[in-house]
Amino acid sequence: MTTFQLNGHDVQTGEEERNTPLIYILRSPSIGDMTPKLGCGLEQCGACRVLVDSEAVYGCTLPTSAVQSRHVETAAGLDTPVRQALIEANATQCGYCLPGIIVTAEALFRTNPHPSRVEIAHVLDSQLCRCGSQPRVLKTLTELARK
């Protein structure tokens, strides 16, 4: 059995799920957190990213057993200035990549509350957005960093 905290709530999974990638557990009917998205399944798009003990990780390849006794956060559990700024600015188009962008940016802002535009762009470089909303995301997060 794997036990972890998800957005402040205890979660337990069965022994048979210990090698299941975390994203499948999070999106399962029993948990139902649909914010992390399964994009490529190869750690190349970032849509699946979640925070594990405040570090942005790929949920598509991380076995559930790796979060034993750890704290997992998804975009659904983050009511932070990063999330609010991106939503209020309507910074994305389709929004598929937004949960991964939110948790990746949140990890940066937790360690550096006022990152430069270059630092934000560097961290978000691994987040694939097919709609082309990166300039709006970068602008919104740069403005937030200046506050």
N, C-alpha and C. Protein backbone atom coordinates (compact mmCIF):
# COMPACT_ATOMS: atom_id res chain seq x y z
N MET A 1 0.85 -1.18 0.00
CA MET A 1 0.00 0.00 0.00
C MET A 1 0.90 1.25 0.00
N THR A 2 0.49 2.26 -0.77
CA THR A 2 1.19 3.54 -0.78
C THR A 2 0.27 4.57 -0.17
N THR A 3 0.79 5.33 0.78
CA THR A 3 0.05 6.38 1.45
C THR A 3 0.76 7.70 1.22
N PHE A 4 0.00 8.72 0.82
CA PHE A 4 0.57 10.05 0.62
C PHE A 4 -0.51 11.11 0.84
N GLN A 5 -0.09 12.35 0.89
CA GLN A 5 -1.03 13.46 1.01
C GLN A 5 -1.24 14.05 -0.37
N LEU A 6 -2.47 14.29 -0.76
CA LEU A 6 -2.80 14.95 -2.01
C LEU A 6 -3.59 16.20 -1.69
N ASN A 7 -2.99 17.33 -1.96
CA ASN A 7 -3.64 18.62 -1.70
C ASN A 7 -4.21 18.68 -0.28
N GLY A 8 -3.44 18.13 0.68
CA GLY A 8 -3.81 18.19 2.08
C GLY A 8 -4.69 17.06 2.59
N HIS A 9 -5.00 16.10 1.72
CA HIS A 9 -5.86 14.98 2.13
C HIS A 9 -5.09 13.66 2.00
N ASP A 10 -5.33 12.76 2.94
CA ASP A 10 -4.68 11.45 2.90
C ASP A 10 -5.23 10.60 1.76
N VAL A 11 -4.32 9.92 1.08
CA VAL A 11 -4.68 9.02 -0.01
C VAL A 11 -3.95 7.70 0.22
N GLN A 12 -4.65 6.61 -0.02
CA GLN A 12 -4.03 5.28 0.05
C GLN A 12 -4.34 4.54 -1.24
N THR A 13 -3.31 3.89 -1.76
CA THR A 13 -3.51 3.07 -2.96
C THR A 13 -3.13 1.65 -2.63
N GLY A 14 -3.60 0.74 -3.43
CA GLY A 14 -3.32 -0.67 -3.20
C GLY A 14 -1.92 -1.07 -3.62
N GLU A 15 -1.48 -2.19 -3.11
CA GLU A 15 -0.15 -2.73 -3.43
C GLU A 15 0.02 -2.93 -4.93
N GLU A 16 -1.05 -3.34 -5.61
CA GLU A 16 -0.98 -3.60 -7.04
C GLU A 16 -0.75 -2.32 -7.86
N GLU A 17 -0.92 -1.16 -7.25
CA GLU A 17 -0.75 0.11 -7.96
C GLU A 17 0.58 0.80 -7.68
N ARG A 18 1.46 0.16 -6.95
CA ARG A 18 2.71 0.82 -6.54
C ARG A 18 3.60 1.20 -7.72
N ASN A 19 3.55 0.46 -8.83
CA ASN A 19 4.36 0.79 -10.00
C ASN A 19 3.58 1.55 -11.06
N THR A 20 2.32 1.83 -10.79
CA THR A 20 1.49 2.60 -11.71
C THR A 20 1.95 4.06 -11.70
N PRO A 21 2.13 4.66 -12.88
CA PRO A 21 2.49 6.08 -12.89
C PRO A 21 1.47 6.92 -12.12
N LEU A 22 1.97 7.87 -11.37
CA LEU A 22 1.14 8.67 -10.47
C LEU A 22 -0.03 9.33 -11.19
N ILE A 23 0.16 9.77 -12.41
CA ILE A 23 -0.94 10.47 -13.12
C ILE A 23 -2.18 9.60 -13.24
N TYR A 24 -2.01 8.30 -13.43
CA TYR A 24 -3.17 7.42 -13.55
C TYR A 24 -3.92 7.30 -12.22
N ILE A 25 -3.18 7.33 -11.13
CA ILE A 25 -3.80 7.27 -9.80
C ILE A 25 -4.56 8.57 -9.54
N LEU A 26 -3.93 9.70 -9.85
CA LEU A 26 -4.57 11.00 -9.60
C LEU A 26 -5.85 11.15 -10.42
N ARG A 27 -5.83 10.68 -11.66
CA ARG A 27 -6.98 10.84 -12.56
C ARG A 27 -7.99 9.71 -12.45
N SER A 28 -7.73 8.74 -11.59
CA SER A 28 -8.63 7.59 -11.43
C SER A 28 -9.99 8.05 -10.87
N PRO A 29 -11.03 7.27 -11.11
CA PRO A 29 -12.35 7.62 -10.57
C PRO A 29 -12.35 7.78 -9.05
N SER A 30 -11.52 7.03 -8.35
CA SER A 30 -11.53 7.12 -6.88
C SER A 30 -10.96 8.45 -6.38
N ILE A 31 -10.05 9.06 -7.12
CA ILE A 31 -9.49 10.36 -6.72
C ILE A 31 -10.10 11.47 -7.57
N GLY A 32 -10.08 11.32 -8.87
CA GLY A 32 -10.77 12.25 -9.75
C GLY A 32 -10.14 13.61 -9.94
N ASP A 33 -8.84 13.74 -9.71
CA ASP A 33 -8.18 15.03 -9.96
C ASP A 33 -7.75 15.05 -11.42
N MET A 34 -8.52 15.74 -12.23
CA MET A 34 -8.29 15.75 -13.67
C MET A 34 -7.38 16.89 -14.12
N THR A 35 -6.82 17.65 -13.20
CA THR A 35 -5.97 18.77 -13.62
C THR A 35 -4.67 18.32 -14.27
N PRO A 36 -3.92 17.35 -13.71
CA PRO A 36 -2.73 16.92 -14.46
C PRO A 36 -3.19 16.18 -15.71
N LYS A 37 -2.58 16.51 -16.83
CA LYS A 37 -2.99 15.90 -18.11
C LYS A 37 -1.93 14.92 -18.58
N LEU A 38 -2.37 13.89 -19.26
CA LEU A 38 -1.44 12.96 -19.89
C LEU A 38 -1.25 13.43 -21.32
N GLY A 39 -0.08 13.92 -21.60
CA GLY A 39 0.23 14.38 -22.95
C GLY A 39 1.05 13.33 -23.67
N CYS A 40 2.36 13.43 -23.50
CA CYS A 40 3.27 12.55 -24.24
C CYS A 40 3.57 11.25 -23.51
N GLY A 41 3.53 11.26 -22.19
CA GLY A 41 3.89 10.08 -21.41
C GLY A 41 5.38 9.82 -21.38
N LEU A 42 6.18 10.79 -21.83
CA LEU A 42 7.63 10.61 -21.95
C LEU A 42 8.44 11.74 -21.31
N GLU A 43 7.82 12.51 -20.41
CA GLU A 43 8.50 13.65 -19.76
C GLU A 43 8.96 14.71 -20.76
N GLN A 44 8.20 14.91 -21.81
CA GLN A 44 8.62 15.88 -22.82
C GLN A 44 7.68 17.07 -22.97
N CYS A 45 6.46 16.98 -22.44
CA CYS A 45 5.53 18.09 -22.64
C CYS A 45 5.21 18.85 -21.35
N GLY A 46 5.29 18.20 -20.21
CA GLY A 46 5.05 18.87 -18.94
C GLY A 46 3.60 18.99 -18.52
N ALA A 47 2.66 18.52 -19.31
CA ALA A 47 1.24 18.65 -18.96
C ALA A 47 0.89 17.85 -17.71
N CYS A 48 1.70 16.85 -17.39
CA CYS A 48 1.43 15.96 -16.26
C CYS A 48 2.09 16.42 -14.96
N ARG A 49 2.79 17.52 -14.99
CA ARG A 49 3.58 17.90 -13.82
C ARG A 49 2.72 18.16 -12.59
N VAL A 50 3.26 17.71 -11.47
CA VAL A 50 2.67 17.93 -10.15
C VAL A 50 3.81 18.31 -9.21
N LEU A 51 3.46 18.83 -8.06
CA LEU A 51 4.47 19.13 -7.05
C LEU A 51 4.54 17.97 -6.07
N VAL A 52 5.75 17.50 -5.82
CA VAL A 52 5.99 16.51 -4.78
C VAL A 52 6.96 17.15 -3.81
N ASP A 53 6.47 17.41 -2.61
CA ASP A 53 7.26 18.15 -1.61
C ASP A 53 7.81 19.44 -2.22
N SER A 54 6.95 20.16 -2.94
CA SER A 54 7.22 21.47 -3.56
C SER A 54 8.16 21.42 -4.76
N GLU A 55 8.50 20.25 -5.25
CA GLU A 55 9.34 20.13 -6.44
C GLU A 55 8.48 19.67 -7.61
N ALA A 56 8.60 20.36 -8.75
CA ALA A 56 7.83 19.98 -9.94
C ALA A 56 8.41 18.69 -10.52
N VAL A 57 7.55 17.68 -10.66
CA VAL A 57 7.97 16.38 -11.20
C VAL A 57 6.97 15.94 -12.26
N TYR A 58 7.41 15.03 -13.10
CA TYR A 58 6.54 14.48 -14.14
C TYR A 58 5.72 13.33 -13.56
N GLY A 59 4.42 13.49 -13.55
CA GLY A 59 3.53 12.45 -13.03
C GLY A 59 3.33 11.29 -13.98
N CYS A 60 3.73 11.46 -15.25
CA CYS A 60 3.48 10.40 -16.24
C CYS A 60 4.45 9.23 -16.11
N THR A 61 5.59 9.44 -15.48
CA THR A 61 6.56 8.35 -15.36
C THR A 61 6.89 8.02 -13.91
N LEU A 62 6.47 8.85 -12.98
CA LEU A 62 6.79 8.63 -11.56
C LEU A 62 5.92 7.52 -11.00
N PRO A 63 6.54 6.42 -10.53
CA PRO A 63 5.71 5.36 -9.93
C PRO A 63 5.07 5.87 -8.64
N THR A 64 3.87 5.44 -8.41
CA THR A 64 3.14 5.88 -7.22
C THR A 64 3.92 5.59 -5.94
N SER A 65 4.66 4.51 -5.91
CA SER A 65 5.44 4.18 -4.71
C SER A 65 6.45 5.26 -4.36
N ALA A 66 6.85 6.08 -5.33
CA ALA A 66 7.85 7.13 -5.09
C ALA A 66 7.29 8.29 -4.25
N VAL A 67 5.97 8.35 -4.08
CA VAL A 67 5.39 9.43 -3.28
C VAL A 67 4.97 8.95 -1.89
N GLN A 68 5.40 7.76 -1.52
CA GLN A 68 5.10 7.23 -0.18
C GLN A 68 5.49 8.25 0.88
N SER A 69 4.52 8.60 1.73
CA SER A 69 4.71 9.53 2.86
C SER A 69 5.13 10.93 2.42
N ARG A 70 4.80 11.30 1.20
CA ARG A 70 5.17 12.62 0.69
C ARG A 70 3.92 13.46 0.45
N HIS A 71 4.13 14.73 0.17
CA HIS A 71 3.03 15.65 -0.08
C HIS A 71 2.97 15.97 -1.56
N VAL A 72 1.86 15.63 -2.19
CA VAL A 72 1.64 15.86 -3.62
C VAL A 72 0.62 16.99 -3.76
N GLU A 73 0.93 17.92 -4.66
CA GLU A 73 0.00 19.01 -4.96
C GLU A 73 -0.22 19.07 -6.46
N THR A 74 -1.45 19.29 -6.84
CA THR A 74 -1.80 19.49 -8.24
C THR A 74 -2.32 20.92 -8.39
N ALA A 75 -2.51 21.35 -9.61
CA ALA A 75 -3.03 22.70 -9.84
C ALA A 75 -4.38 22.89 -9.15
N ALA A 76 -5.15 21.83 -9.02
CA ALA A 76 -6.46 21.93 -8.36
C ALA A 76 -6.32 22.31 -6.89
N GLY A 77 -5.21 21.95 -6.27
CA GLY A 77 -5.01 22.23 -4.86
C GLY A 77 -4.25 23.51 -4.58
N LEU A 78 -3.87 24.22 -5.63
CA LEU A 78 -3.09 25.44 -5.45
C LEU A 78 -3.98 26.67 -5.61
N ASP A 79 -4.22 27.35 -4.52
CA ASP A 79 -4.92 28.63 -4.58
C ASP A 79 -3.87 29.68 -4.25
N THR A 80 -3.01 29.95 -5.21
CA THR A 80 -1.85 30.81 -5.00
C THR A 80 -1.87 31.97 -5.97
N PRO A 81 -1.04 32.99 -5.71
CA PRO A 81 -0.96 34.11 -6.65
C PRO A 81 -0.56 33.69 -8.07
N VAL A 82 0.28 32.66 -8.19
CA VAL A 82 0.68 32.19 -9.52
C VAL A 82 -0.55 31.71 -10.29
N ARG A 83 -1.31 30.84 -9.69
CA ARG A 83 -2.51 30.29 -10.35
C ARG A 83 -3.51 31.40 -10.64
N GLN A 84 -3.76 32.25 -9.65
CA GLN A 84 -4.74 33.32 -9.83
C GLN A 84 -4.34 34.27 -10.94
N ALA A 85 -3.05 34.63 -11.01
CA ALA A 85 -2.59 35.56 -12.05
C ALA A 85 -2.80 34.98 -13.44
N LEU A 86 -2.47 33.71 -13.62
CA LEU A 86 -2.62 33.09 -14.93
C LEU A 86 -4.09 32.98 -15.33
N ILE A 87 -4.94 32.65 -14.39
CA ILE A 87 -6.36 32.53 -14.68
C ILE A 87 -6.97 33.90 -14.96
N GLU A 88 -6.68 34.88 -14.11
CA GLU A 88 -7.24 36.23 -14.28
C GLU A 88 -6.78 36.88 -15.58
N ALA A 89 -5.56 36.60 -16.00
CA ALA A 89 -5.04 37.19 -17.24
C ALA A 89 -5.52 36.43 -18.47
N ASN A 90 -6.23 35.32 -18.25
CA ASN A 90 -6.65 34.46 -19.36
C ASN A 90 -5.45 34.19 -20.26
N ALA A 91 -4.37 33.75 -19.61
CA ALA A 91 -3.07 33.67 -20.28
C ALA A 91 -2.91 32.49 -21.23
N THR A 92 -3.86 31.58 -21.25
CA THR A 92 -3.74 30.46 -22.18
C THR A 92 -4.95 30.40 -23.09
N GLN A 93 -4.83 29.60 -24.12
CA GLN A 93 -5.95 29.44 -25.04
C GLN A 93 -6.75 28.21 -24.65
N CYS A 94 -6.28 27.03 -25.02
CA CYS A 94 -7.06 25.82 -24.74
C CYS A 94 -6.96 25.40 -23.27
N GLY A 95 -5.85 25.71 -22.62
CA GLY A 95 -5.68 25.40 -21.20
C GLY A 95 -5.16 24.01 -20.89
N TYR A 96 -4.91 23.19 -21.91
CA TYR A 96 -4.43 21.83 -21.66
C TYR A 96 -3.11 21.84 -20.90
N CYS A 97 -2.22 22.74 -21.25
CA CYS A 97 -0.90 22.80 -20.62
C CYS A 97 -0.91 23.57 -19.30
N LEU A 98 -1.97 24.31 -19.03
CA LEU A 98 -2.00 25.23 -17.89
C LEU A 98 -1.70 24.57 -16.54
N PRO A 99 -2.26 23.40 -16.21
CA PRO A 99 -1.94 22.82 -14.90
C PRO A 99 -0.44 22.56 -14.72
N GLY A 100 0.23 22.08 -15.75
CA GLY A 100 1.67 21.86 -15.68
C GLY A 100 2.43 23.15 -15.55
N ILE A 101 1.99 24.18 -16.26
CA ILE A 101 2.62 25.49 -16.16
C ILE A 101 2.44 26.05 -14.76
N ILE A 102 1.25 25.91 -14.21
CA ILE A 102 0.98 26.43 -12.86
C ILE A 102 1.91 25.79 -11.84
N VAL A 103 2.01 24.47 -11.84
CA VAL A 103 2.84 23.83 -10.80
C VAL A 103 4.33 24.09 -11.04
N THR A 104 4.75 24.17 -12.29
CA THR A 104 6.16 24.45 -12.57
C THR A 104 6.51 25.87 -12.13
N ALA A 105 5.65 26.83 -12.44
CA ALA A 105 5.88 28.21 -12.02
C ALA A 105 5.79 28.34 -10.50
N GLU A 106 4.86 27.62 -9.90
CA GLU A 106 4.72 27.66 -8.44
C GLU A 106 5.99 27.18 -7.75
N ALA A 107 6.59 26.12 -8.27
CA ALA A 107 7.85 25.62 -7.70
C ALA A 107 8.92 26.70 -7.76
N LEU A 108 9.00 27.42 -8.87
CA LEU A 108 9.97 28.51 -8.99
C LEU A 108 9.68 29.63 -8.01
N PHE A 109 8.43 30.08 -7.96
CA PHE A 109 8.07 31.21 -7.09
C PHE A 109 8.22 30.86 -5.61
N ARG A 110 8.12 29.61 -5.25
CA ARG A 110 8.34 29.22 -3.85
C ARG A 110 9.80 29.36 -3.45
N THR A 111 10.69 29.14 -4.38
CA THR A 111 12.12 29.26 -4.07
C THR A 111 12.66 30.64 -4.37
N ASN A 112 12.00 31.37 -5.28
CA ASN A 112 12.44 32.70 -5.68
C ASN A 112 11.19 33.54 -5.95
N PRO A 113 10.72 34.30 -4.96
CA PRO A 113 9.47 35.06 -5.11
C PRO A 113 9.50 36.14 -6.20
N HIS A 114 10.69 36.55 -6.62
CA HIS A 114 10.80 37.60 -7.63
C HIS A 114 11.77 37.19 -8.73
N PRO A 115 11.45 36.11 -9.45
CA PRO A 115 12.36 35.67 -10.51
C PRO A 115 12.38 36.66 -11.68
N SER A 116 13.48 36.67 -12.40
CA SER A 116 13.58 37.51 -13.58
C SER A 116 12.82 36.87 -14.74
N ARG A 117 12.60 37.62 -15.78
CA ARG A 117 11.93 37.10 -16.97
C ARG A 117 12.73 35.92 -17.55
N VAL A 118 14.04 36.04 -17.53
CA VAL A 118 14.91 34.99 -18.05
C VAL A 118 14.77 33.72 -17.20
N GLU A 119 14.71 33.86 -15.89
CA GLU A 119 14.54 32.69 -15.01
C GLU A 119 13.19 32.02 -15.24
N ILE A 120 12.16 32.82 -15.41
CA ILE A 120 10.82 32.26 -15.66
C ILE A 120 10.82 31.51 -16.99
N ALA A 121 11.37 32.14 -18.02
CA ALA A 121 11.41 31.50 -19.34
C ALA A 121 12.21 30.20 -19.30
N HIS A 122 13.30 30.20 -18.56
CA HIS A 122 14.13 28.99 -18.46
C HIS A 122 13.35 27.84 -17.82
N VAL A 123 12.65 28.12 -16.73
CA VAL A 123 11.89 27.08 -16.02
C VAL A 123 10.74 26.56 -16.89
N LEU A 124 10.11 27.46 -17.62
CA LEU A 124 8.96 27.07 -18.44
C LEU A 124 9.36 26.50 -19.79
N ASP A 125 10.64 26.48 -20.08
CA ASP A 125 11.12 25.97 -21.36
C ASP A 125 10.71 24.51 -21.58
N SER A 126 10.57 23.76 -20.51
CA SER A 126 10.20 22.35 -20.63
C SER A 126 8.70 22.13 -20.75
N GLN A 127 7.92 23.19 -20.70
CA GLN A 127 6.46 23.09 -20.81
C GLN A 127 6.03 23.34 -22.25
N LEU A 128 5.48 22.33 -22.89
CA LEU A 128 5.04 22.45 -24.27
C LEU A 128 3.63 23.02 -24.34
N CYS A 129 3.48 24.07 -25.14
CA CYS A 129 2.16 24.65 -25.39
C CYS A 129 1.98 24.73 -26.89
N ARG A 130 1.02 24.00 -27.39
CA ARG A 130 0.78 23.98 -28.84
C ARG A 130 -0.05 25.17 -29.31
N CYS A 131 -0.74 25.85 -28.42
CA CYS A 131 -1.58 26.99 -28.82
C CYS A 131 -0.76 28.24 -29.08
N GLY A 132 0.42 28.30 -28.53
CA GLY A 132 1.25 29.49 -28.71
C GLY A 132 0.98 30.58 -27.70
N SER A 133 0.51 30.22 -26.53
CA SER A 133 0.20 31.23 -25.51
C SER A 133 1.40 31.54 -24.61
N GLN A 134 2.56 31.00 -24.92
CA GLN A 134 3.74 31.23 -24.09
C GLN A 134 4.02 32.71 -23.85
N PRO A 135 3.92 33.60 -24.85
CA PRO A 135 4.19 35.02 -24.58
C PRO A 135 3.27 35.61 -23.51
N ARG A 136 1.98 35.22 -23.52
CA ARG A 136 1.05 35.74 -22.50
C ARG A 136 1.36 35.16 -21.13
N VAL A 137 1.72 33.88 -21.08
CA VAL A 137 2.09 33.25 -19.81
C VAL A 137 3.32 33.94 -19.24
N LEU A 138 4.33 34.11 -20.07
CA LEU A 138 5.58 34.74 -19.63
C LEU A 138 5.34 36.18 -19.17
N LYS A 139 4.53 36.92 -19.92
CA LYS A 139 4.21 38.30 -19.53
C LYS A 139 3.50 38.34 -18.18
N THR A 140 2.52 37.47 -18.00
CA THR A 140 1.75 37.44 -16.75
C THR A 140 2.63 37.10 -15.56
N LEU A 141 3.47 36.09 -15.71
CA LEU A 141 4.34 35.68 -14.60
C LEU A 141 5.43 36.72 -14.33
N THR A 142 5.91 37.39 -15.36
CA THR A 142 6.90 38.46 -15.16
C THR A 142 6.28 39.61 -14.40
N GLU A 143 5.06 39.96 -14.74
CA GLU A 143 4.36 41.03 -14.01
C GLU A 143 4.12 40.63 -12.55
N LEU A 144 3.76 39.38 -12.33
CA LEU A 144 3.57 38.90 -10.96
C LEU A 144 4.88 38.98 -10.17
N ALA A 145 5.98 38.63 -10.79
CA ALA A 145 7.28 38.64 -10.11
C ALA A 145 7.69 40.04 -9.70
N ARG A 146 7.23 41.03 -10.42
CA ARG A 146 7.57 42.43 -10.12
C ARG A 146 6.78 42.98 -8.94
N LYS A 147 5.65 42.34 -8.60
CA LYS A 147 4.80 42.83 -7.51
C LYS A 147 5.40 42.54 -6.16
